[in-house]
Amino acid sequence: MSHEFESGFSGNSIKSWHGLATVVPGTLGLKEAWQQAGLDWTVRKVPVYLGDGRQVPDNFAIVRDKDDRILGSVGGEYTPIQNEQLFQLAEALLEQGAQFETAGSLFGGRLVWVLARTDGFVDAVTGDKVDPYIMISSGHNGAHKLRGDLEPVRTICWNTYRQAIAASKRTFAIAHRSGWFEHVAAARRMLGLAKDHFGKLSEDLGFLATRELNLERQALIVDRLIPLPDGSAKKFQFERAVNARADLDACITRPIGVEHGRGTLYQAWNGISEYATHRLQVQRKHGTEEERKERRMIDLSFDTGVRASFAERGWSVLQQIAQ
């Protein structure tokens, strides 16, 4: 089945396209949403044994308590994250009593999600009213990390979940490890959920859309963000920098999905964001042991760590050029 739906609810009296979600009026608070979504169950980590009674080292099964269904296989460091904690995380990220619009379970409980709407704003570039969702999802199968996305798609099945991931504007991912909830503050920064963030961001983007992007400015942006190494650099380092500069230049020239603000620094910002999210090659081996541990907890393959730093530097460069 393309929807892969097990259980869930759909708020605001909106019927799901597959007709399987429980339809409720309005939105729901934490406890009611948790129950209406059919997510009021827990999982546990169980050791795996061979037929002769020997325990398999560093190998555990994730078992759903309500029916003893095995959802996945994990290692010893894996810490189960319960469904109710996803709702609690959404409330912590929004710093208020979140109202949930959809939530549910896919693939027989292997993947779960919750969806709440954030405060909307008017896009200063397009003039459109934007009401982004925050979607928190997590897997019980050992394959999906805890993930948060700021995105425009109303998730209600596997199809719309994939659409939401593809359309996500800002993202974080956290590994299933002990102490994962300590990273809420960092996750909030990555999603840009600070008070009045969206309105201020819209104003700033609108300002960039009034400033011309020409070839000279584009070359300056590339030079500042990815300077060529000096003469002491090795050949492979020089070649890597040249290739990275070409990738960034291509992203700025033809950013995906940009219809408004072409020929302005708004186009450049979208290109920088696209490069940081999808093209930037992250080197993970450097730093202190504590820093490497942090990078393992918050996945650098999404909009965190090195990628977020690159985007922030790009934003600073554009602000300087725009003056």
C-alpha atoms as a PDB file:
ATOM      1  CA  MET A   1       0.000   0.000   0.000  1.00  0.00           C
ATOM      2  CA  SER A   2       1.391   3.390  -0.946  1.00  0.00           C
ATOM      3  CA  HIS A   3       0.102   5.032   2.216  1.00  0.00           C
ATOM      4  CA  GLU A   4       1.577   2.386   4.608  1.00  0.00           C
ATOM      5  CA  PHE A   5      -0.850   3.698   7.226  1.00  0.00           C
ATOM      6  CA  GLU A   6      -1.371   1.852  10.513  1.00  0.00           C
ATOM      7  CA  SER A   7      -3.143   4.391  12.730  1.00  0.00           C
ATOM      8  CA  GLY A   8      -3.542   8.134  13.106  1.00  0.00           C
ATOM      9  CA  PHE A   9      -5.850  11.113  13.288  1.00  0.00           C
ATOM     10  CA  SER A  10      -6.571  14.077  11.031  1.00  0.00           C
ATOM     11  CA  GLY A  11      -7.618  17.361  12.640  1.00  0.00           C
ATOM     12  CA  ASN A  12      -9.739  20.319  11.549  1.00  0.00           C
ATOM     13  CA  SER A  13     -12.383  17.904  10.218  1.00  0.00           C
ATOM     14  CA  ILE A  14     -10.223  17.124   7.177  1.00  0.00           C
ATOM     15  CA  LYS A  15     -10.678  13.610   5.839  1.00  0.00           C
ATOM     16  CA  SER A  16      -7.494  11.827   4.781  1.00  0.00           C
ATOM     17  CA  TRP A  17      -7.260  10.783   1.139  1.00  0.00           C
ATOM     18  CA  HIS A  18      -7.008   7.106   2.114  1.00  0.00           C
ATOM     19  CA  GLY A  19      -9.971   7.403   4.481  1.00  0.00           C
ATOM     20  CA  LEU A  20      -8.265   5.492   7.311  1.00  0.00           C
ATOM     21  CA  ALA A  21      -7.367   8.281   9.749  1.00  0.00           C
ATOM     22  CA  THR A  22      -9.713   9.208  12.594  1.00  0.00           C
ATOM     23  CA  VAL A  23     -11.199  12.619  11.722  1.00  0.00           C
ATOM     24  CA  VAL A  24     -11.526  15.072  14.613  1.00  0.00           C
ATOM     25  CA  PRO A  25     -12.741  18.690  14.763  1.00  0.00           C
ATOM     26  CA  GLY A  26     -10.084  21.316  15.363  1.00  0.00           C
ATOM     27  CA  THR A  27      -6.652  20.435  16.722  1.00  0.00           C
ATOM     28  CA  LEU A  28      -5.699  18.383  19.778  1.00  0.00           C
ATOM     29  CA  GLY A  29      -3.486  18.823  22.817  1.00  0.00           C
ATOM     30  CA  LEU A  30      -0.716  16.409  23.741  1.00  0.00           C
ATOM     31  CA  LYS A  31      -2.558  13.682  25.649  1.00  0.00           C
ATOM     32  CA  GLU A  32      -5.630  13.576  23.405  1.00  0.00           C
ATOM     33  CA  ALA A  33      -3.531  13.638  20.222  1.00  0.00           C
ATOM     34  CA  TRP A  34      -1.332  10.823  21.554  1.00  0.00           C
ATOM     35  CA  GLN A  35      -4.411   8.668  22.163  1.00  0.00           C
ATOM     36  CA  GLN A  36      -6.388   9.568  19.019  1.00  0.00           C
ATOM     37  CA  ALA A  37      -3.345   8.800  16.867  1.00  0.00           C
ATOM     38  CA  GLY A  38      -3.171   5.293  18.302  1.00  0.00           C
ATOM     39  CA  LEU A  39       0.336   6.048  19.554  1.00  0.00           C
ATOM     40  CA  ASP A  40      -0.393   5.295  23.224  1.00  0.00           C
ATOM     41  CA  TRP A  41       2.028   2.376  23.286  1.00  0.00           C
ATOM     42  CA  THR A  42       5.652   1.926  24.262  1.00  0.00           C
ATOM     43  CA  VAL A  43       8.613  -0.117  23.048  1.00  0.00           C
ATOM     44  CA  ARG A  44      11.417  -1.918  24.867  1.00  0.00           C
ATOM     45  CA  LYS A  45      14.903  -3.144  23.950  1.00  0.00           C
ATOM     46  CA  VAL A  46      15.274  -6.910  24.297  1.00  0.00           C
ATOM     47  CA  PRO A  47      18.501  -8.983  24.049  1.00  0.00           C
ATOM     48  CA  VAL A  48      18.789 -11.384  21.101  1.00  0.00           C
ATOM     49  CA  TYR A  49      19.746 -15.038  21.756  1.00  0.00           C
ATOM     50  CA  LEU A  50      20.863 -17.881  19.526  1.00  0.00           C
ATOM     51  CA  GLY A  51      19.035 -21.187  19.507  1.00  0.00           C
ATOM     52  CA  ASP A  52      21.571 -22.658  21.935  1.00  0.00           C
ATOM     53  CA  GLY A  53      20.869 -19.936  24.503  1.00  0.00           C
ATOM     54  CA  ARG A  54      23.908 -17.740  23.889  1.00  0.00           C
ATOM     55  CA  GLN A  55      23.258 -13.998  23.795  1.00  0.00           C
ATOM     56  CA  VAL A  56      24.273 -12.241  20.567  1.00  0.00           C
ATOM     57  CA  PRO A  57      26.753  -9.474  21.503  1.00  0.00           C
ATOM     58  CA  ASP A  58      25.618  -5.889  20.908  1.00  0.00           C
ATOM     59  CA  ASN A  59      22.395  -7.016  19.232  1.00  0.00           C
ATOM     60  CA  PHE A  60      18.923  -6.169  20.506  1.00  0.00           C
ATOM     61  CA  ALA A  61      15.371  -6.262  19.214  1.00  0.00           C
ATOM     62  CA  ILE A  62      12.928  -3.375  19.586  1.00  0.00           C
ATOM     63  CA  VAL A  63       9.624  -4.886  20.694  1.00  0.00           C
ATOM     64  CA  ARG A  64       6.246  -3.146  20.918  1.00  0.00           C
ATOM     65  CA  ASP A  65       4.778  -3.778  24.360  1.00  0.00           C
ATOM     66  CA  LYS A  66       1.110  -3.943  23.421  1.00  0.00           C
ATOM     67  CA  ASP A  67       1.448  -6.870  21.004  1.00  0.00           C
ATOM     68  CA  ASP A  68       5.100  -8.042  21.315  1.00  0.00           C
ATOM     69  CA  ARG A  69       5.671  -7.183  17.670  1.00  0.00           C
ATOM     70  CA  ILE A  70       9.355  -6.942  16.716  1.00  0.00           C
ATOM     71  CA  LEU A  71       9.882  -3.591  14.986  1.00  0.00           C
ATOM     72  CA  GLY A  72      13.618  -3.627  14.370  1.00  0.00           C
ATOM     73  CA  SER A  73      17.146  -4.648  15.314  1.00  0.00           C
ATOM     74  CA  VAL A  74      19.544  -2.237  17.055  1.00  0.00           C
ATOM     75  CA  GLY A  75      22.928  -2.063  18.794  1.00  0.00           C
ATOM     76  CA  GLY A  76      23.776  -1.699  22.447  1.00  0.00           C
ATOM     77  CA  GLU A  77      24.033   2.117  22.482  1.00  0.00           C
ATOM     78  CA  TYR A  78      20.546   2.535  21.025  1.00  0.00           C
ATOM     79  CA  THR A  79      18.064   4.199  23.397  1.00  0.00           C
ATOM     80  CA  PRO A  80      14.352   3.796  22.580  1.00  0.00           C
ATOM     81  CA  ILE A  81      12.483   7.092  22.194  1.00  0.00           C
ATOM     82  CA  GLN A  82       8.840   6.637  23.150  1.00  0.00           C
ATOM     83  CA  ASN A  83       5.957   8.026  21.090  1.00  0.00           C
ATOM     84  CA  GLU A  84       4.778  10.359  23.841  1.00  0.00           C
ATOM     85  CA  GLN A  85       8.219  11.969  23.879  1.00  0.00           C
ATOM     86  CA  LEU A  86       7.735  13.142  20.282  1.00  0.00           C
ATOM     87  CA  PHE A  87       4.754  15.221  21.395  1.00  0.00           C
ATOM     88  CA  GLN A  88       6.752  16.515  24.365  1.00  0.00           C
ATOM     89  CA  LEU A  89       9.613  17.469  22.050  1.00  0.00           C
ATOM     90  CA  ALA A  90       7.259  19.427  19.774  1.00  0.00           C
ATOM     91  CA  GLU A  91       5.956  21.357  22.779  1.00  0.00           C
ATOM     92  CA  ALA A  92       9.508  22.053  23.955  1.00  0.00           C
ATOM     93  CA  LEU A  93      10.532  23.294  20.500  1.00  0.00           C
ATOM     94  CA  LEU A  94       7.526  25.602  20.197  1.00  0.00           C
ATOM     95  CA  GLU A  95       7.848  26.716  23.845  1.00  0.00           C
ATOM     96  CA  GLN A  96       4.088  26.604  24.253  1.00  0.00           C
ATOM     97  CA  GLY A  97       1.209  24.159  24.490  1.00  0.00           C
ATOM     98  CA  ALA A  98       1.371  22.794  20.940  1.00  0.00           C
ATOM     99  CA  GLN A  99      -1.840  21.984  19.102  1.00  0.00           C
ATOM    100  CA  PHE A 100      -1.447  18.940  16.902  1.00  0.00           C
ATOM    101  CA  GLU A 101      -3.101  18.668  13.499  1.00  0.00           C
ATOM    102  CA  THR A 102      -2.106  15.115  12.524  1.00  0.00           C
ATOM    103  CA  ALA A 103      -0.126  12.237  14.034  1.00  0.00           C
ATOM    104  CA  GLY A 104       0.160   8.546  13.386  1.00  0.00           C
ATOM    105  CA  SER A 105       2.025   5.334  12.754  1.00  0.00           C
ATOM    106  CA  LEU A 106       3.371   3.909   9.489  1.00  0.00           C
ATOM    107  CA  PHE A 107       4.765   0.513   8.502  1.00  0.00           C
ATOM    108  CA  GLY A 108       3.174  -1.281  11.430  1.00  0.00           C
ATOM    109  CA  GLY A 109       4.735   1.036  14.030  1.00  0.00           C
ATOM    110  CA  ARG A 110       8.226   1.206  12.562  1.00  0.00           C
ATOM    111  CA  LEU A 111       7.884   4.924  11.753  1.00  0.00           C
ATOM    112  CA  VAL A 112       5.782   7.435  13.710  1.00  0.00           C
ATOM    113  CA  TRP A 113       5.160  11.167  13.270  1.00  0.00           C
ATOM    114  CA  VAL A 114       3.435  14.135  14.905  1.00  0.00           C
ATOM    115  CA  LEU A 115       2.535  17.393  13.147  1.00  0.00           C
ATOM    116  CA  ALA A 116       1.800  20.829  14.659  1.00  0.00           C
ATOM    117  CA  ARG A 117       1.337  24.196  12.980  1.00  0.00           C
ATOM    118  CA  THR A 118       3.600  27.133  13.819  1.00  0.00           C
ATOM    119  CA  ASP A 119       2.626  30.807  13.811  1.00  0.00           C
ATOM    120  CA  GLY A 120       2.338  32.032  10.227  1.00  0.00           C
ATOM    121  CA  PHE A 121       3.843  35.067   8.529  1.00  0.00           C
ATOM    122  CA  VAL A 122       3.581  36.978   5.248  1.00  0.00           C
ATOM    123  CA  ASP A 123       6.419  36.284   2.814  1.00  0.00           C
ATOM    124  CA  ALA A 124       7.864  39.683   1.934  1.00  0.00           C
ATOM    125  CA  VAL A 125       9.209  38.352  -1.379  1.00  0.00           C
ATOM    126  CA  THR A 126       6.117  36.606  -2.745  1.00  0.00           C
ATOM    127  CA  GLY A 127       3.416  38.343  -0.682  1.00  0.00           C
ATOM    128  CA  ASP A 128       1.940  34.943   0.217  1.00  0.00           C
ATOM    129  CA  LYS A 129       0.706  33.913   3.672  1.00  0.00           C
ATOM    130  CA  VAL A 130       2.919  31.095   4.924  1.00  0.00           C
ATOM    131  CA  ASP A 131       1.827  28.695   7.683  1.00  0.00           C
ATOM    132  CA  PRO A 132       4.646  26.181   8.099  1.00  0.00           C
ATOM    133  CA  TYR A 133       4.255  22.951  10.037  1.00  0.00           C
ATOM    134  CA  ILE A 134       6.719  21.427  12.420  1.00  0.00           C
ATOM    135  CA  MET A 135       6.874  17.667  11.953  1.00  0.00           C
ATOM    136  CA  ILE A 136       8.638  15.418  14.452  1.00  0.00           C
ATOM    137  CA  SER A 137       9.212  11.825  13.347  1.00  0.00           C
ATOM    138  CA  SER A 138      11.131   8.839  14.647  1.00  0.00           C
ATOM    139  CA  GLY A 139      11.678   5.208  13.808  1.00  0.00           C
ATOM    140  CA  HIS A 140      11.468   2.162  16.051  1.00  0.00           C
ATOM    141  CA  ASN A 141      13.295   0.018  13.503  1.00  0.00           C
ATOM    142  CA  GLY A 142      16.852   1.218  14.067  1.00  0.00           C
ATOM    143  CA  ALA A 143      16.986   2.876  10.621  1.00  0.00           C
ATOM    144  CA  HIS A 144      15.288   6.242  11.226  1.00  0.00           C
ATOM    145  CA  LYS A 145      16.721   8.865  13.563  1.00  0.00           C
ATOM    146  CA  LEU A 146      14.630  11.282  15.569  1.00  0.00           C
ATOM    147  CA  ARG A 147      14.009  14.059  13.072  1.00  0.00           C
ATOM    148  CA  GLY A 148      12.424  17.508  13.062  1.00  0.00           C
ATOM    149  CA  ASP A 149      11.359  19.355   9.924  1.00  0.00           C
ATOM    150  CA  LEU A 150       9.959  22.800   9.271  1.00  0.00           C
ATOM    151  CA  GLU A 151       7.916  22.130   6.163  1.00  0.00           C
ATOM    152  CA  PRO A 152       4.706  23.060   4.280  1.00  0.00           C
ATOM    153  CA  VAL A 153       3.118  19.622   3.723  1.00  0.00           C
ATOM    154  CA  ARG A 154       0.233  18.260   5.814  1.00  0.00           C
ATOM    155  CA  THR A 155       1.508  14.755   6.586  1.00  0.00           C
ATOM    156  CA  ILE A 156      -1.067  11.963   6.870  1.00  0.00           C
ATOM    157  CA  CYS A 157       0.587   8.929   5.224  1.00  0.00           C
ATOM    158  CA  TRP A 158       3.862   7.619   3.780  1.00  0.00           C
ATOM    159  CA  ASN A 159       3.354   9.519   0.509  1.00  0.00           C
ATOM    160  CA  THR A 160       2.850  12.875   2.223  1.00  0.00           C
ATOM    161  CA  TYR A 161       5.658  12.101   4.689  1.00  0.00           C
ATOM    162  CA  ARG A 162       8.095  11.762   1.779  1.00  0.00           C
ATOM    163  CA  GLN A 163       6.730  14.977   0.251  1.00  0.00           C
ATOM    164  CA  ALA A 164       7.255  16.761   3.566  1.00  0.00           C
ATOM    165  CA  ILE A 165      10.855  15.570   3.798  1.00  0.00           C
ATOM    166  CA  ALA A 166      11.535  16.690   0.218  1.00  0.00           C
ATOM    167  CA  ALA A 167       9.975  20.123   0.843  1.00  0.00           C
ATOM    168  CA  SER A 168      11.572  20.649   4.267  1.00  0.00           C
ATOM    169  CA  LYS A 169      13.103  24.105   4.711  1.00  0.00           C
ATOM    170  CA  ARG A 170      15.046  23.467   7.902  1.00  0.00           C
ATOM    171  CA  THR A 171      15.882  20.139   9.490  1.00  0.00           C
ATOM    172  CA  PHE A 172      17.625  18.489  12.406  1.00  0.00           C
ATOM    173  CA  ALA A 173      18.234  14.834  13.221  1.00  0.00           C
ATOM    174  CA  ILE A 174      19.281  13.286  16.532  1.00  0.00           C
ATOM    175  CA  ALA A 175      20.517   9.750  17.088  1.00  0.00           C
ATOM    176  CA  HIS A 176      18.716   7.406  19.481  1.00  0.00           C
ATOM    177  CA  ARG A 177      21.212   7.737  22.336  1.00  0.00           C
ATOM    178  CA  SER A 178      20.922   8.491  26.038  1.00  0.00           C
ATOM    179  CA  GLY A 179      20.687  12.213  26.728  1.00  0.00           C
ATOM    180  CA  TRP A 180      19.089  13.002  23.367  1.00  0.00           C
ATOM    181  CA  PHE A 181      16.593  15.441  24.933  1.00  0.00           C
ATOM    182  CA  GLU A 182      19.484  17.667  26.047  1.00  0.00           C
ATOM    183  CA  HIS A 183      19.790  18.843  22.432  1.00  0.00           C
ATOM    184  CA  VAL A 184      16.415  20.625  22.317  1.00  0.00           C
ATOM    185  CA  ALA A 185      18.013  24.093  22.440  1.00  0.00           C
ATOM    186  CA  ALA A 186      20.310  23.272  19.509  1.00  0.00           C
ATOM    187  CA  ALA A 187      17.368  21.819  17.590  1.00  0.00           C
ATOM    188  CA  ARG A 188      15.375  25.022  18.134  1.00  0.00           C
ATOM    189  CA  ARG A 189      18.240  27.067  16.718  1.00  0.00           C
ATOM    190  CA  MET A 190      18.482  24.814  13.680  1.00  0.00           C
ATOM    191  CA  LEU A 191      14.761  25.120  12.977  1.00  0.00           C
ATOM    192  CA  GLY A 192      14.889  28.879  13.538  1.00  0.00           C
ATOM    193  CA  LEU A 193      12.027  28.751  16.030  1.00  0.00           C
ATOM    194  CA  ALA A 194      13.095  31.804  18.009  1.00  0.00           C
ATOM    195  CA  LYS A 195      10.349  34.315  18.764  1.00  0.00           C
ATOM    196  CA  ASP A 196       9.427  36.492  15.763  1.00  0.00           C
ATOM    197  CA  HIS A 197      11.947  34.585  13.633  1.00  0.00           C
ATOM    198  CA  PHE A 198       9.709  34.112  10.628  1.00  0.00           C
ATOM    199  CA  GLY A 199       8.539  37.702  10.333  1.00  0.00           C
ATOM    200  CA  LYS A 200      12.054  39.102  10.735  1.00  0.00           C
ATOM    201  CA  LEU A 201      13.453  36.547   8.296  1.00  0.00           C
ATOM    202  CA  SER A 202      10.779  37.486   5.764  1.00  0.00           C
ATOM    203  CA  GLU A 203      11.689  41.176   6.061  1.00  0.00           C
ATOM    204  CA  ASP A 204      15.385  40.412   5.602  1.00  0.00           C
ATOM    205  CA  LEU A 205      14.712  38.248   2.559  1.00  0.00           C
ATOM    206  CA  GLY A 206      12.520  40.981   1.127  1.00  0.00           C
ATOM    207  CA  PHE A 207      15.446  43.384   1.483  1.00  0.00           C
ATOM    208  CA  LEU A 208      17.777  40.980  -0.338  1.00  0.00           C
ATOM    209  CA  ALA A 209      15.204  40.792  -3.155  1.00  0.00           C
ATOM    210  CA  THR A 210      15.728  44.529  -3.767  1.00  0.00           C
ATOM    211  CA  ARG A 211      19.479  44.169  -4.265  1.00  0.00           C
ATOM    212  CA  GLU A 212      20.933  43.181  -7.642  1.00  0.00           C
ATOM    213  CA  LEU A 213      22.956  40.016  -8.152  1.00  0.00           C
ATOM    214  CA  ASN A 214      25.496  40.538 -10.925  1.00  0.00           C
ATOM    215  CA  LEU A 215      28.517  38.509 -12.030  1.00  0.00           C
ATOM    216  CA  GLU A 216      30.915  40.585  -9.940  1.00  0.00           C
ATOM    217  CA  ARG A 217      28.884  40.098  -6.778  1.00  0.00           C
ATOM    218  CA  GLN A 218      28.423  36.404  -7.457  1.00  0.00           C
ATOM    219  CA  ALA A 219      32.187  35.922  -7.856  1.00  0.00           C
ATOM    220  CA  LEU A 220      32.742  37.839  -4.606  1.00  0.00           C
ATOM    221  CA  ILE A 221      30.274  35.575  -2.748  1.00  0.00           C
ATOM    222  CA  VAL A 222      32.050  32.453  -3.980  1.00  0.00           C
ATOM    223  CA  ASP A 223      35.491  33.886  -3.095  1.00  0.00           C
ATOM    224  CA  ARG A 224      34.453  34.756   0.454  1.00  0.00           C
ATOM    225  CA  LEU A 225      32.708  31.469   1.188  1.00  0.00           C
ATOM    226  CA  ILE A 226      35.189  29.114  -0.520  1.00  0.00           C
ATOM    227  CA  PRO A 227      38.535  30.863  -1.005  1.00  0.00           C
ATOM    228  CA  LEU A 228      41.201  29.133  -3.034  1.00  0.00           C
ATOM    229  CA  PRO A 229      43.966  27.602  -0.874  1.00  0.00           C
ATOM    230  CA  ASP A 230      47.415  29.178  -0.845  1.00  0.00           C
ATOM    231  CA  GLY A 231      50.502  27.841  -2.606  1.00  0.00           C
ATOM    232  CA  SER A 232      51.339  25.431   0.209  1.00  0.00           C
ATOM    233  CA  ALA A 233      48.163  23.397  -0.390  1.00  0.00           C
ATOM    234  CA  LYS A 234      48.404  19.939  -1.878  1.00  0.00           C
ATOM    235  CA  LYS A 235      47.053  19.243  -5.335  1.00  0.00           C
ATOM    236  CA  PHE A 236      43.987  17.356  -4.099  1.00  0.00           C
ATOM    237  CA  GLN A 237      43.120  20.216  -1.714  1.00  0.00           C
ATOM    238  CA  PHE A 238      43.278  22.725  -4.553  1.00  0.00           C
ATOM    239  CA  GLU A 239      41.170  20.506  -6.818  1.00  0.00           C
ATOM    240  CA  ARG A 240      38.607  19.966  -4.061  1.00  0.00           C
ATOM    241  CA  ALA A 241      38.299  23.730  -3.541  1.00  0.00           C
ATOM    242  CA  VAL A 242      37.904  24.346  -7.290  1.00  0.00           C
ATOM    243  CA  ASN A 243      35.154  21.737  -7.521  1.00  0.00           C
ATOM    244  CA  ALA A 244      33.381  23.101  -4.448  1.00  0.00           C
ATOM    245  CA  ARG A 245      33.495  26.639  -5.865  1.00  0.00           C
ATOM    246  CA  ALA A 246      32.026  25.394  -9.138  1.00  0.00           C
ATOM    247  CA  ASP A 247      29.209  23.619  -7.259  1.00  0.00           C
ATOM    248  CA  LEU A 248      28.387  26.737  -5.226  1.00  0.00           C
ATOM    249  CA  ASP A 249      28.468  28.944  -8.320  1.00  0.00           C
ATOM    250  CA  ALA A 250      26.083  26.567 -10.112  1.00  0.00           C
ATOM    251  CA  CYS A 251      23.674  26.550  -7.148  1.00  0.00           C
ATOM    252  CA  ILE A 252      23.618  30.362  -7.055  1.00  0.00           C
ATOM    253  CA  THR A 253      23.127  30.599 -10.822  1.00  0.00           C
ATOM    254  CA  ARG A 254      20.241  28.118 -10.936  1.00  0.00           C
ATOM    255  CA  PRO A 255      18.734  27.557  -7.458  1.00  0.00           C
ATOM    256  CA  ILE A 256      15.986  24.961  -7.496  1.00  0.00           C
ATOM    257  CA  GLY A 257      12.401  26.171  -7.213  1.00  0.00           C
ATOM    258  CA  VAL A 258      13.102  29.932  -7.101  1.00  0.00           C
ATOM    259  CA  GLU A 259      10.441  31.783  -9.092  1.00  0.00           C
ATOM    260  CA  HIS A 260      10.561  35.159  -7.366  1.00  0.00           C
ATOM    261  CA  GLY A 261      13.542  37.404  -6.803  1.00  0.00           C
ATOM    262  CA  ARG A 262      15.552  36.187  -9.787  1.00  0.00           C
ATOM    263  CA  GLY A 263      18.610  38.347 -10.478  1.00  0.00           C
ATOM    264  CA  THR A 264      18.773  39.535  -6.857  1.00  0.00           C
ATOM    265  CA  LEU A 265      20.624  38.560  -3.684  1.00  0.00           C
ATOM    266  CA  TYR A 266      17.498  36.619  -2.726  1.00  0.00           C
ATOM    267  CA  GLN A 267      18.418  34.220  -5.546  1.00  0.00           C
ATOM    268  CA  ALA A 268      21.955  34.042  -4.148  1.00  0.00           C
ATOM    269  CA  TRP A 269      20.642  33.148  -0.674  1.00  0.00           C
ATOM    270  CA  ASN A 270      18.559  30.304  -2.062  1.00  0.00           C
ATOM    271  CA  GLY A 271      21.605  29.021  -3.928  1.00  0.00           C
ATOM    272  CA  ILE A 272      23.746  29.176  -0.781  1.00  0.00           C
ATOM    273  CA  SER A 273      21.057  27.336   1.202  1.00  0.00           C
ATOM    274  CA  GLU A 274      20.762  24.669  -1.481  1.00  0.00           C
ATOM    275  CA  TYR A 275      24.532  24.169  -1.510  1.00  0.00           C
ATOM    276  CA  ALA A 276      24.771  23.980   2.287  1.00  0.00           C
ATOM    277  CA  THR A 277      21.919  21.481   2.532  1.00  0.00           C
ATOM    278  CA  HIS A 278      22.606  19.196  -0.434  1.00  0.00           C
ATOM    279  CA  ARG A 279      26.090  19.746  -1.893  1.00  0.00           C
ATOM    280  CA  LEU A 280      28.497  20.651   0.901  1.00  0.00           C
ATOM    281  CA  GLN A 281      30.906  17.815   1.666  1.00  0.00           C
ATOM    282  CA  VAL A 282      31.216  17.480   5.443  1.00  0.00           C
ATOM    283  CA  GLN A 283      34.490  16.245   6.977  1.00  0.00           C
ATOM    284  CA  ARG A 284      33.586  14.410  10.193  1.00  0.00           C
ATOM    285  CA  LYS A 285      36.902  13.196  11.558  1.00  0.00           C
ATOM    286  CA  HIS A 286      38.306  16.442  13.017  1.00  0.00           C
ATOM    287  CA  GLY A 287      37.787  18.121  16.396  1.00  0.00           C
ATOM    288  CA  THR A 288      37.949  17.018  20.009  1.00  0.00           C
ATOM    289  CA  GLU A 289      36.383  13.783  21.196  1.00  0.00           C
ATOM    290  CA  GLU A 290      33.571  15.812  22.781  1.00  0.00           C
ATOM    291  CA  GLU A 291      32.923  17.599  19.477  1.00  0.00           C
ATOM    292  CA  ARG A 292      32.913  14.312  17.581  1.00  0.00           C
ATOM    293  CA  LYS A 293      30.468  12.892  20.119  1.00  0.00           C
ATOM    294  CA  GLU A 294      28.206  15.906  19.609  1.00  0.00           C
ATOM    295  CA  ARG A 295      28.323  15.445  15.848  1.00  0.00           C
ATOM    296  CA  ARG A 296      27.321  11.825  16.233  1.00  0.00           C
ATOM    297  CA  MET A 297      24.321  12.902  18.325  1.00  0.00           C
ATOM    298  CA  ILE A 298      23.128  15.641  15.955  1.00  0.00           C
ATOM    299  CA  ASP A 299      23.430  14.463  12.384  1.00  0.00           C
ATOM    300  CA  LEU A 300      25.595  16.708  10.208  1.00  0.00           C
ATOM    301  CA  SER A 301      23.945  15.349   7.081  1.00  0.00           C
ATOM    302  CA  PHE A 302      21.068  17.729   7.777  1.00  0.00           C
ATOM    303  CA  ASP A 303      20.903  21.459   8.580  1.00  0.00           C
ATOM    304  CA  THR A 304      23.161  21.365  11.640  1.00  0.00           C
ATOM    305  CA  GLY A 305      26.804  21.785  12.565  1.00  0.00           C
ATOM    306  CA  VAL A 306      29.051  22.494   9.578  1.00  0.00           C
ATOM    307  CA  ARG A 307      26.140  23.012   7.200  1.00  0.00           C
ATOM    308  CA  ALA A 308      24.422  25.512   9.460  1.00  0.00           C
ATOM    309  CA  SER A 309      27.737  27.328   9.965  1.00  0.00           C
ATOM    310  CA  PHE A 310      28.248  27.611   6.196  1.00  0.00           C
ATOM    311  CA  ALA A 311      24.702  28.958   5.720  1.00  0.00           C
ATOM    312  CA  GLU A 312      25.215  31.486   8.522  1.00  0.00           C
ATOM    313  CA  ARG A 313      28.472  32.697   6.924  1.00  0.00           C
ATOM    314  CA  GLY A 314      26.664  32.976   3.609  1.00  0.00           C
ATOM    315  CA  TRP A 315      23.913  35.047   5.214  1.00  0.00           C
ATOM    316  CA  SER A 316      26.513  37.363   6.755  1.00  0.00           C
ATOM    317  CA  VAL A 317      28.283  37.824   3.404  1.00  0.00           C
ATOM    318  CA  LEU A 318      25.007  38.720   1.678  1.00  0.00           C
ATOM    319  CA  GLN A 319      24.114  41.225   4.380  1.00  0.00           C
ATOM    320  CA  GLN A 320      27.493  42.921   3.925  1.00  0.00           C
ATOM    321  CA  ILE A 321      27.158  43.031   0.126  1.00  0.00           C
ATOM    322  CA  ALA A 322      23.590  44.319   0.318  1.00  0.00           C
ATOM    323  CA  GLN A 323      24.537  47.424   2.312  1.00  0.00           C
END
